[in-house]
Every structure is written in structure tokens, then in C-alpha cells.
Amino acid sequence: MSEPMHCYRHPKRETRVSCATCGRPICTECMRQTEVGIKCPEDARLPRGARAGAMKPNQILKTLLAGVGIAAVGTFVVAYVLFALPFTLLISAAAGYGAGTLINRAGGRNG
């Protein structure tokens, strides 16, 4: 079983619930019921869509590093492999989609 989480506002209180927006653990006193689930008090006060697309600094760094790495590898793939193969445009489109998916997932985004 996973380790118990503790409320970010009340560190002595154990909880198994986290905010639907930011993911911080919250206790029953801090929970706010919203249209999209349980949120922490800070996120419950925000207008709808205020945090849409917000990324943490470590997510930005991971995404940037993944993008640079995939671009470096992709340069060699294009230079040495793709020009010699038939269906180059189709393969390039599939590779671009795959690269975008990998970069998105590296940043911790699943959407």
C-alpha cells in the first residue's frame, strides 16, 4: 500500500485525497467541492480555466530537455535514413506525431 499523504495546510493530518487541479494532498477541512471534483481552497477560488495549461518549473525543464533530445536524434534520422526510404512524407508525419507525444509525456502531461 502507498505511504499516507499529509495535508499541505495541516501537516499532522493524514489524507488519501488530493486536489483535482494541482494534485496537492488535502484534508476534509480543506476540501472544496466543485463542478469538476474536490479542490484545495486556492484552486477552488480561481476562475474556471485560470490554471489551464499551467506547468511546474520541473515539467518545463523535462519538456525542454525531451524536445532538444528528440530534435538532435531526429536530425540524424532525417539526414541518413528518411531520404533513402519510400513514403518519406508519411513516415515523417508519423515520426512528428510520435515526437510530440513523447515530449508531451516527458513533461508529465497525458492529455
Foldseek 3Di string as FASTA:
>chain_A
DDDWAAAPVGRVDTDDDAAPQPGGDHDPVQWDQDPVGTHGPVVVPDDPPPCVPPADPVLVVQLVVLLVVLVVVVVVCVVPPLVVDPPSVVVVVVSVVVSVCVSCVSSVHDD
